[in-house]
Protein backbone atom coordinates (compact mmCIF):
# COMPACT_ATOMS: atom_id res chain seq x y z
CA MET A 1 0.08 -0.09 0.11
CA THR A 2 1.05 3.41 -0.59
CA GLY A 3 -0.42 6.81 0.19
CA ALA A 4 -2.39 8.48 -2.42
CA ASP A 5 -0.06 11.49 -2.80
CA ALA A 6 3.08 9.35 -2.54
CA PRO A 7 5.56 9.80 -5.44
CA ALA A 8 5.48 7.36 -8.21
CA PRO A 9 8.11 4.39 -8.05
CA PRO A 10 11.25 5.02 -9.91
CA PRO A 11 11.57 4.21 -13.66
CA ALA A 12 13.47 0.92 -13.11
CA LYS A 13 10.30 -0.56 -11.70
CA ARG A 14 8.34 0.35 -14.66
CA ASP A 15 10.86 -1.20 -16.98
CA ARG A 16 9.90 -4.71 -15.77
CA LEU A 17 6.74 -4.79 -17.91
CA ALA A 18 7.20 -5.97 -21.31
CA PRO A 19 6.22 -3.55 -24.11
CA CYS A 20 2.64 -4.06 -25.29
CA PRO A 21 2.36 -5.45 -28.94
CA HIS A 22 -0.87 -3.75 -29.71
CA ARG A 23 -0.30 -0.12 -28.54
CA PRO A 24 -1.00 1.95 -30.45
CA PRO A 25 -4.04 1.77 -31.58
CA CYS A 26 -5.43 -0.34 -28.79
CA PRO A 27 -6.94 1.89 -26.42
CA GLY A 28 -7.42 -0.56 -23.57
CA CYS A 29 -4.67 0.67 -21.30
CA PRO A 30 -4.10 4.39 -21.71
CA ARG A 31 -1.60 4.31 -18.85
CA TYR A 32 0.23 1.11 -19.91
CA GLY A 33 3.48 0.81 -17.81
CA GLU A 34 2.58 3.45 -15.12
CA PRO A 35 2.26 2.25 -11.59
CA GLY A 36 -0.51 2.49 -9.26
CA ILE A 37 -3.76 4.77 -9.81
CA SER A 38 -3.45 8.06 -11.90
CA ALA A 39 -1.95 11.16 -10.57
CA ASP A 40 -5.12 13.11 -10.87
CA ALA A 41 -6.86 10.34 -8.91
CA ARG A 42 -4.38 10.49 -6.19
CA ARG A 43 -4.42 14.41 -6.06
CA THR A 44 -8.34 14.24 -5.71
CA LEU A 45 -8.31 11.63 -3.13
CA ALA A 46 -5.53 13.51 -0.96
CA GLU A 47 -7.72 16.52 -1.08
CA LEU A 48 -10.74 14.67 -0.08
CA ALA A 49 -8.86 13.18 2.85
CA ARG A 50 -7.83 16.62 4.09
CA ARG A 51 -11.17 18.12 3.97
CA HIS A 52 -12.46 15.08 5.95
CA ASP A 53 -9.61 15.13 8.38
CA LEU A 54 -8.52 11.57 7.18
CA PRO A 55 -5.03 10.08 6.79
CA PRO A 56 -3.42 9.92 3.33
CA VAL A 57 -5.38 7.31 1.31
CA ALA A 58 -3.99 3.97 0.98
CA VAL A 59 -3.96 2.34 -2.33
CA VAL A 60 -4.32 -1.57 -2.62
CA THR A 61 -2.68 -2.88 -6.04
CA GLY A 62 -1.78 -6.37 -7.32
CA GLU A 63 -0.61 -7.96 -10.51
CA THR A 64 -0.53 -6.00 -13.70
CA THR A 65 -0.02 -8.88 -16.26
CA GLY A 66 -2.64 -11.55 -16.85
CA PHE A 67 -5.08 -10.38 -14.26
CA ARG A 68 -8.09 -9.89 -16.49
CA LEU A 69 -10.29 -12.94 -16.02
CA ARG A 70 -13.31 -11.40 -17.88
CA ALA A 71 -13.21 -9.90 -21.21
CA ARG A 72 -15.85 -8.56 -23.70
CA LEU A 73 -14.33 -8.25 -27.31
CA ALA A 74 -15.92 -6.98 -30.47
CA ILE A 75 -15.68 -9.02 -33.60
CA ARG A 76 -15.61 -7.24 -37.01
CA GLY A 77 -13.73 -7.68 -40.35
CA ARG A 78 -13.88 -9.88 -43.33
CA ILE A 79 -15.23 -13.28 -43.58
CA ALA A 80 -11.55 -14.76 -44.08
CA SER A 81 -9.90 -12.59 -41.67
CA PRO A 82 -12.09 -11.50 -38.67
CA LYS A 83 -10.61 -9.25 -36.05
CA VAL A 84 -11.19 -9.81 -32.35
CA GLY A 85 -10.51 -7.16 -30.11
CA LEU A 86 -11.46 -3.55 -28.84
CA PHE A 87 -12.61 -0.63 -30.77
CA GLU A 88 -10.49 2.34 -31.49
CA LEU A 89 -11.46 5.40 -29.78
CA GLY A 90 -14.39 7.22 -31.40
CA THR A 91 -14.90 4.41 -34.12
CA HIS A 92 -16.27 1.16 -34.92
CA SER A 93 -12.91 -0.13 -36.19
CA VAL A 94 -11.72 -3.05 -34.06
CA VAL A 95 -8.12 -3.39 -33.13
CA HIS A 96 -7.11 -7.25 -33.15
CA ILE A 97 -5.20 -8.10 -30.01
CA PRO A 98 -4.30 -11.79 -29.88
CA ASN A 99 -1.42 -11.27 -27.45
CA CYS A 100 -3.10 -8.87 -25.01
CA VAL A 101 -0.55 -8.66 -21.80
CA VAL A 102 -3.21 -7.89 -19.37
CA HIS A 103 -5.59 -10.67 -20.51
CA HIS A 104 -5.22 -14.00 -18.57
CA PRO A 105 -3.64 -16.44 -21.15
CA LEU A 106 -6.87 -18.45 -21.59
CA VAL A 107 -8.67 -15.38 -22.60
CA ASN A 108 -6.16 -14.86 -25.63
CA HIS A 109 -6.40 -18.66 -26.45
CA VAL A 110 -10.11 -18.66 -26.64
CA ALA A 111 -10.22 -15.71 -28.69
CA ASN A 112 -7.75 -17.36 -31.23
CA VAL A 113 -10.15 -20.56 -31.21
CA VAL A 114 -13.08 -18.60 -31.68
CA ARG A 115 -11.68 -16.46 -34.55
CA ARG A 116 -10.48 -19.82 -36.36
CA SER A 117 -13.76 -21.22 -35.76
CA LEU A 118 -15.57 -18.32 -37.53
CA VAL A 119 -13.29 -18.53 -40.51
CA ASP A 120 -13.80 -22.40 -40.93
CA ALA A 121 -17.59 -22.01 -40.47
CA ARG A 122 -17.72 -19.12 -42.87
CA VAL A 123 -19.54 -17.03 -40.46
CA THR A 124 -19.71 -13.48 -41.40
CA SER A 125 -18.70 -10.66 -39.02
CA TYR A 126 -21.13 -7.81 -37.91
CA SER A 127 -21.17 -4.43 -39.65
CA ASP A 128 -22.37 -1.50 -37.54
CA THR A 129 -23.25 0.80 -40.61
CA ALA A 130 -25.17 -1.84 -42.48
CA HIS A 131 -26.40 -3.78 -39.55
CA LEU A 132 -25.60 -6.88 -41.45
CA GLY A 133 -23.22 -9.94 -40.59
CA LEU A 134 -23.76 -12.45 -37.60
CA ALA A 135 -20.78 -12.43 -35.15
CA ARG A 136 -20.93 -9.24 -32.97
CA HIS A 137 -19.12 -9.85 -29.52
CA LEU A 138 -17.30 -12.55 -27.68
CA GLN A 139 -17.40 -12.71 -23.94
CA VAL A 140 -14.87 -14.77 -22.05
CA VAL A 141 -14.92 -15.46 -18.22
CA ILE A 142 -12.27 -17.67 -16.57
CA GLU A 143 -13.27 -19.66 -13.64
CA ARG A 144 -10.10 -19.83 -11.34
CA GLN A 145 -10.69 -23.16 -9.55
CA SER A 146 -11.21 -25.15 -12.72
CA ARG A 147 -9.00 -22.87 -15.07
CA THR A 148 -11.74 -23.11 -17.68
CA ALA A 149 -13.57 -20.74 -19.76
CA GLN A 150 -17.05 -19.56 -19.92
CA VAL A 151 -17.61 -18.49 -23.68
CA VAL A 152 -20.59 -16.54 -25.08
CA LEU A 153 -20.73 -15.78 -28.71
CA VAL A 154 -23.02 -12.88 -29.48
CA ALA A 155 -24.67 -12.77 -32.78
CA ASN A 156 -26.79 -10.48 -34.78
CA SER A 157 -29.51 -13.27 -35.05
CA ALA A 158 -32.72 -14.14 -33.10
CA GLY A 159 -31.84 -17.89 -33.16
CA SER A 160 -28.49 -19.96 -32.83
CA GLU A 161 -29.13 -22.14 -36.16
CA PRO A 162 -26.81 -19.77 -38.21
CA LEU A 163 -24.11 -20.23 -35.54
CA ALA A 164 -24.54 -23.91 -34.92
CA ALA A 165 -21.51 -25.27 -36.90
CA CYS A 166 -19.22 -22.59 -35.59
CA LEU A 167 -20.41 -23.27 -32.00
CA ASP A 168 -19.68 -27.19 -32.29
CA LEU A 169 -16.14 -26.02 -33.60
CA ILE A 170 -15.50 -24.19 -30.62
CA ARG A 171 -16.72 -26.77 -28.21
CA GLU A 172 -14.46 -29.42 -29.94
CA ARG A 173 -11.43 -27.20 -30.22
CA LEU A 174 -11.42 -25.96 -26.76
CA GLY A 175 -11.96 -29.26 -25.18
CA ALA A 176 -10.89 -29.58 -21.66
CA ASP A 177 -10.37 -25.60 -21.54
CA LEU A 178 -14.10 -25.04 -21.86
CA HIS A 179 -16.37 -24.49 -18.93
CA SER A 180 -19.36 -23.75 -20.89
CA LEU A 181 -20.60 -22.55 -23.96
CA TRP A 182 -23.68 -19.89 -24.84
CA PHE A 183 -25.16 -18.24 -27.61
CA ASN A 184 -26.43 -14.80 -27.06
CA ALA A 185 -29.00 -13.18 -29.41
CA HIS A 186 -28.53 -9.41 -30.04
CA ALA A 187 -30.47 -8.54 -33.34
CA GLU A 188 -30.91 -4.85 -32.26
CA ALA A 189 -29.05 -1.96 -34.06
CA SER A 190 -27.43 -0.82 -30.73
CA ASN A 191 -23.91 -0.37 -29.03
CA THR A 192 -24.73 -2.66 -26.09
CA VAL A 193 -22.76 -5.64 -25.98
CA LEU A 194 -25.14 -8.44 -24.74
CA GLY A 195 -28.84 -9.18 -25.89
CA ASP A 196 -31.03 -10.24 -23.27
CA THR A 197 -31.63 -14.03 -24.48
CA PHE A 198 -29.09 -16.71 -23.95
CA ARG A 199 -29.06 -20.35 -25.27
CA HIS A 200 -27.01 -22.58 -23.29
CA TRP A 201 -25.01 -24.88 -25.76
CA CYS A 202 -23.12 -26.87 -23.21
CA GLY A 203 -21.35 -27.09 -19.72
CA PRO A 204 -22.41 -25.77 -16.28
CA ALA A 205 -24.96 -23.19 -15.74
CA SER A 206 -22.61 -20.56 -14.00
CA VAL A 207 -18.93 -19.85 -13.27
CA VAL A 208 -18.55 -20.36 -9.51
CA GLU A 209 -16.00 -18.22 -7.49
CA HIS A 210 -15.14 -18.14 -3.71
CA PHE A 211 -14.99 -15.06 -1.49
CA GLY A 212 -14.42 -16.00 1.91
CA GLU A 213 -16.39 -19.09 2.65
CA ALA A 214 -19.22 -18.00 0.18
CA ALA A 215 -19.57 -19.79 -3.24
CA ILE A 216 -20.54 -17.05 -5.72
CA HIS A 217 -22.52 -17.97 -9.03
CA TYR A 218 -21.99 -16.06 -12.17
CA PRO A 219 -24.44 -16.80 -15.01
CA PRO A 220 -23.12 -15.58 -18.43
CA GLY A 221 -25.40 -12.47 -18.27
CA ALA A 222 -24.52 -11.37 -14.71
CA PHE A 223 -22.02 -8.70 -13.82
CA GLY A 224 -18.68 -9.61 -12.42
CA GLN A 225 -15.33 -8.09 -11.89
CA ASN A 226 -12.55 -8.71 -14.34
CA ASN A 227 -9.84 -8.70 -11.38
CA LEU A 228 -10.70 -11.02 -8.91
CA GLU A 229 -7.35 -10.63 -6.95
CA ILE A 230 -8.40 -7.17 -6.22
CA ALA A 231 -12.23 -7.81 -5.78
CA ALA A 232 -11.22 -10.35 -3.23
CA GLU A 233 -9.13 -7.63 -1.52
CA ILE A 234 -12.38 -5.18 -1.66
CA ILE A 235 -14.66 -7.89 -0.35
CA ALA A 236 -12.18 -8.72 2.53
CA HIS A 237 -12.08 -5.15 3.27
CA VAL A 238 -15.79 -4.63 3.47
CA ARG A 239 -16.20 -7.79 5.50
CA ALA A 240 -13.82 -6.17 8.09
CA LEU A 241 -16.20 -3.07 8.36
CA VAL A 242 -19.18 -5.52 9.43
CA PRO A 243 -19.39 -5.98 13.26
CA PRO A 244 -20.49 -9.58 14.28
CA LYS A 245 -24.34 -10.12 14.71
CA SER A 246 -24.88 -6.91 12.61
CA ARG A 247 -28.44 -6.49 10.80
CA VAL A 248 -27.20 -5.75 7.15
CA ILE A 249 -28.80 -4.40 4.07
CA GLU A 250 -26.91 -4.34 0.85
CA TYR A 251 -28.19 -2.21 -2.24
CA TYR A 252 -26.95 -3.26 -5.64
CA ALA A 253 -25.99 -6.77 -4.48
CA GLY A 254 -25.38 -8.29 -7.75
CA VAL A 255 -24.94 -12.08 -7.46
CA GLY A 256 -24.06 -11.56 -3.82
CA ALA A 257 -20.16 -11.40 -3.99
CA ILE A 258 -20.04 -9.16 -1.04
CA GLY A 259 -23.31 -9.93 0.72
CA LEU A 260 -22.95 -13.63 0.90
CA SER A 261 -19.23 -13.36 1.99
CA ILE A 262 -20.33 -11.48 5.03
CA LEU A 263 -23.13 -13.89 6.00
CA SER A 264 -21.30 -15.39 8.99
CA ARG A 265 -20.92 -11.78 10.47
CA ALA A 266 -24.69 -11.01 9.88
CA SER A 267 -27.75 -11.71 12.05
CA GLU A 268 -29.85 -10.65 9.16
CA LEU A 269 -29.05 -9.88 5.63
CA ARG A 270 -31.39 -8.18 3.20
CA LEU A 271 -30.31 -8.15 -0.29
CA ASN A 272 -31.29 -5.62 -3.09
CA GLU A 273 -30.58 -6.07 -6.66
CA LEU A 274 -32.28 -5.04 -10.16
CA SER A 275 -30.83 -7.09 -12.88
CA ARG A 276 -32.73 -10.40 -13.70
CA HIS A 277 -29.35 -12.12 -14.60
CA SER A 278 -27.65 -11.24 -11.28
CA LEU A 279 -30.92 -12.43 -9.50
CA GLU A 280 -30.57 -15.75 -11.05
CA GLY A 281 -26.97 -15.97 -10.02
CA LEU A 282 -27.82 -14.85 -6.59
CA ALA A 283 -30.49 -17.43 -6.32
CA LEU A 284 -28.04 -20.14 -7.16
CA GLY A 285 -25.82 -18.88 -4.27
CA LEU A 286 -28.60 -18.87 -1.78
CA ASN A 287 -29.75 -22.40 -2.82
CA GLY A 288 -26.44 -23.85 -1.73
CA LEU A 289 -26.45 -22.27 1.80
CA ALA A 290 -27.11 -24.13 4.82
CA ALA A 291 -30.61 -23.94 6.23
CA THR A 292 -29.56 -21.95 9.21
CA ASP A 293 -27.76 -19.36 6.94
CA ARG A 294 -30.56 -19.30 4.22
CA ALA A 295 -33.10 -18.31 6.78
CA LYS A 296 -30.99 -15.39 7.59
CA VAL A 297 -31.32 -13.78 4.08
CA SER A 298 -34.07 -12.01 2.23
CA VAL A 299 -34.03 -10.61 -1.25
CA VAL A 300 -35.72 -7.54 -2.37
CA PRO A 301 -35.70 -7.19 -6.11
CA GLY A 302 -36.07 -3.71 -7.90
CA LEU A 303 -34.64 -0.16 -7.98
CA ALA A 304 -32.36 0.57 -5.03
CA GLY A 305 -34.12 4.01 -4.61
CA ALA A 306 -37.49 2.51 -4.55
CA ALA A 307 -36.92 -0.70 -2.44
CA ALA A 308 -38.91 -1.03 0.60
CA LEU A 309 -35.93 -1.17 2.95
CA ASP A 310 -35.17 1.24 5.81
CA PRO A 311 -31.60 2.04 5.90
CA ALA A 312 -32.09 3.29 9.51
CA ALA A 313 -33.20 -0.05 10.57
CA ALA A 314 -30.04 -1.75 9.98
CA ASP A 315 -26.75 -1.48 11.83
CA VAL A 316 -24.63 -1.63 8.43
CA VAL A 317 -25.69 -0.77 5.12
CA ILE A 318 -23.59 -1.50 2.22
CA ALA A 319 -23.93 -0.13 -1.44
CA ASP A 320 -21.97 -0.87 -4.61
CA PRO A 321 -23.71 1.02 -7.19
CA PRO A 322 -22.86 1.29 -10.89
CA ARG A 323 -20.61 4.26 -12.04
CA ARG A 324 -23.30 6.80 -12.16
CA GLY A 325 -23.51 6.37 -8.32
CA LEU A 326 -26.39 6.05 -5.67
CA ASP A 327 -29.94 6.59 -6.69
CA PRO A 328 -30.91 9.98 -5.66
CA GLU A 329 -33.77 8.87 -3.45
CA LEU A 330 -31.40 6.42 -1.79
CA THR A 331 -29.05 8.96 -1.12
CA ARG A 332 -31.52 11.23 0.54
CA ARG A 333 -32.84 8.43 2.66
CA LEU A 334 -29.33 7.69 3.93
CA ALA A 335 -28.64 11.36 4.59
CA ALA A 336 -31.86 12.02 6.38
CA ALA A 337 -32.11 8.88 8.59
CA PRO A 338 -28.69 7.02 8.49
CA PRO A 339 -27.72 3.73 9.65
CA ALA A 340 -25.07 3.48 12.36
CA ARG A 341 -22.67 2.58 9.52
CA PHE A 342 -22.72 3.03 5.81
CA VAL A 343 -20.19 1.24 3.44
CA TYR A 344 -20.04 2.62 -0.04
CA VAL A 345 -18.20 0.79 -2.55
CA SER A 346 -17.52 3.08 -5.64
CA CYS A 347 -16.45 2.47 -9.12
CA GLY A 348 -17.01 6.31 -10.25
CA LEU A 349 -14.81 8.95 -8.62
CA GLU A 350 -16.80 11.81 -9.95
CA SER A 351 -20.20 10.14 -8.57
CA PHE A 352 -18.67 9.19 -5.33
CA LEU A 353 -17.40 12.76 -4.81
CA ALA A 354 -20.98 14.14 -5.53
CA ASP A 355 -22.66 11.45 -3.39
CA THR A 356 -20.30 12.20 -0.49
CA GLU A 357 -21.27 15.82 -0.29
CA ARG A 358 -24.94 15.01 -0.52
CA LEU A 359 -24.57 12.17 2.31
CA VAL A 360 -22.89 14.53 4.80
CA ALA A 361 -24.63 17.72 4.03
CA ALA A 362 -27.27 17.15 6.79
CA GLY A 363 -24.55 16.57 9.27
CA ARG A 364 -25.85 13.17 10.19
CA LEU A 365 -23.26 11.19 8.48
CA LYS A 366 -19.37 11.47 8.61
CA LEU A 367 -16.72 9.95 6.44
CA VAL A 368 -14.45 8.11 8.77
CA SER A 369 -12.37 6.06 6.50
CA LEU A 370 -11.44 5.61 2.60
CA THR A 371 -9.30 3.24 0.77
CA ALA A 372 -8.49 2.90 -2.95
CA PHE A 373 -7.98 -0.05 -4.93
CA ASN A 374 -6.24 -0.41 -8.10
CA LEU A 375 -9.00 -2.65 -9.70
CA ILE A 376 -8.21 -2.00 -13.41
CA PRO A 377 -4.46 -1.05 -13.74
CA PHE A 378 -3.14 1.34 -16.49
CA THR A 379 -6.47 2.98 -16.63
CA ASP A 380 -8.02 6.04 -14.95
CA HIS A 381 -10.42 3.89 -13.00
CA VAL A 382 -10.11 3.80 -9.20
CA GLU A 383 -12.43 1.75 -7.01
CA LEU A 384 -13.15 3.03 -3.55
CA VAL A 385 -14.43 1.72 -0.22
CA ALA A 386 -15.57 4.46 1.95
CA CYS A 387 -16.95 4.12 5.59
CA PHE A 388 -19.43 6.56 6.81
CA GLU A 389 -20.69 6.64 10.44
CA ARG A 390 -23.69 8.26 12.10
CA THR A 391 -22.97 11.26 14.21
């Protein structure tokens, strides 16, 4: 750990990282080779700490190569030579990245196998301008324990029939490296990656990860972090902020990676989530619990700001919202009638700063600790865990 305003490590440390073979034009790592979080983020967090009488913000970081266990890659190009990679900034032109340094090696292997299978099955690649062609995106998720890949092929098709030969080739060629294979229908002219309809081709229904003692299930449509080493550090940090026998509410609970991992410290756990796919994963996790633990948990689906949950009735409230931050109604409820402790896991620095101002404005909550996590190295992203307490 280093202070948020600490100087960057000497250049010799940066030189240990091999040059990226895809930069430029690949935009995926705009700060490639730079250690820690960005200088702008360090300055912002240092100023925030000073305003709230906190010590310098510690930054937790981890591996900087092979850490990305979850990837969404675009598929574009000619039928005989498709490109699998990331869009150049501001375009729909794909940079082919077969040897990405930050991907887990199995992600690169899967992308290569899928590309060869698309060519051999004569599957066309999608064109954004014409809204024609079949193969649109590839999603790969690595399950750490089995060292296998959950693979989703996203197509501009309502059904899987035009991709059947290609999917069979992928299954055959990946062999023991394959966890499961899925077809995703996305026939709308939009920039979203996944459509809402999945067809299960083969393999288990979900990738399973463990945080603490909890088994966490990720169906292919559920959100998951790509850097599980740092995600585990974040979850452990949150768990340490929950006193034993606490009544806990978690908003934006996802598949339960945080909530289920703190279950042993909770007397009661109420989980709120909106996404259907995440709720499916959460249900799988709950089904695997012992009866005594399952009895402590209730699930409240829907928007966080509209959920029938009273933050003031909990000992600890946890929120892990998307980048836009807390629902305004939830922010108002927390500020007006706060719990004894509120733990905010943020993936958007700007929204976190705005939410913090609103949370403390009424004088009923105080920011008492703040830790930063370098969740996505070589980008401007910074993940935060903030602890607020009732005054």
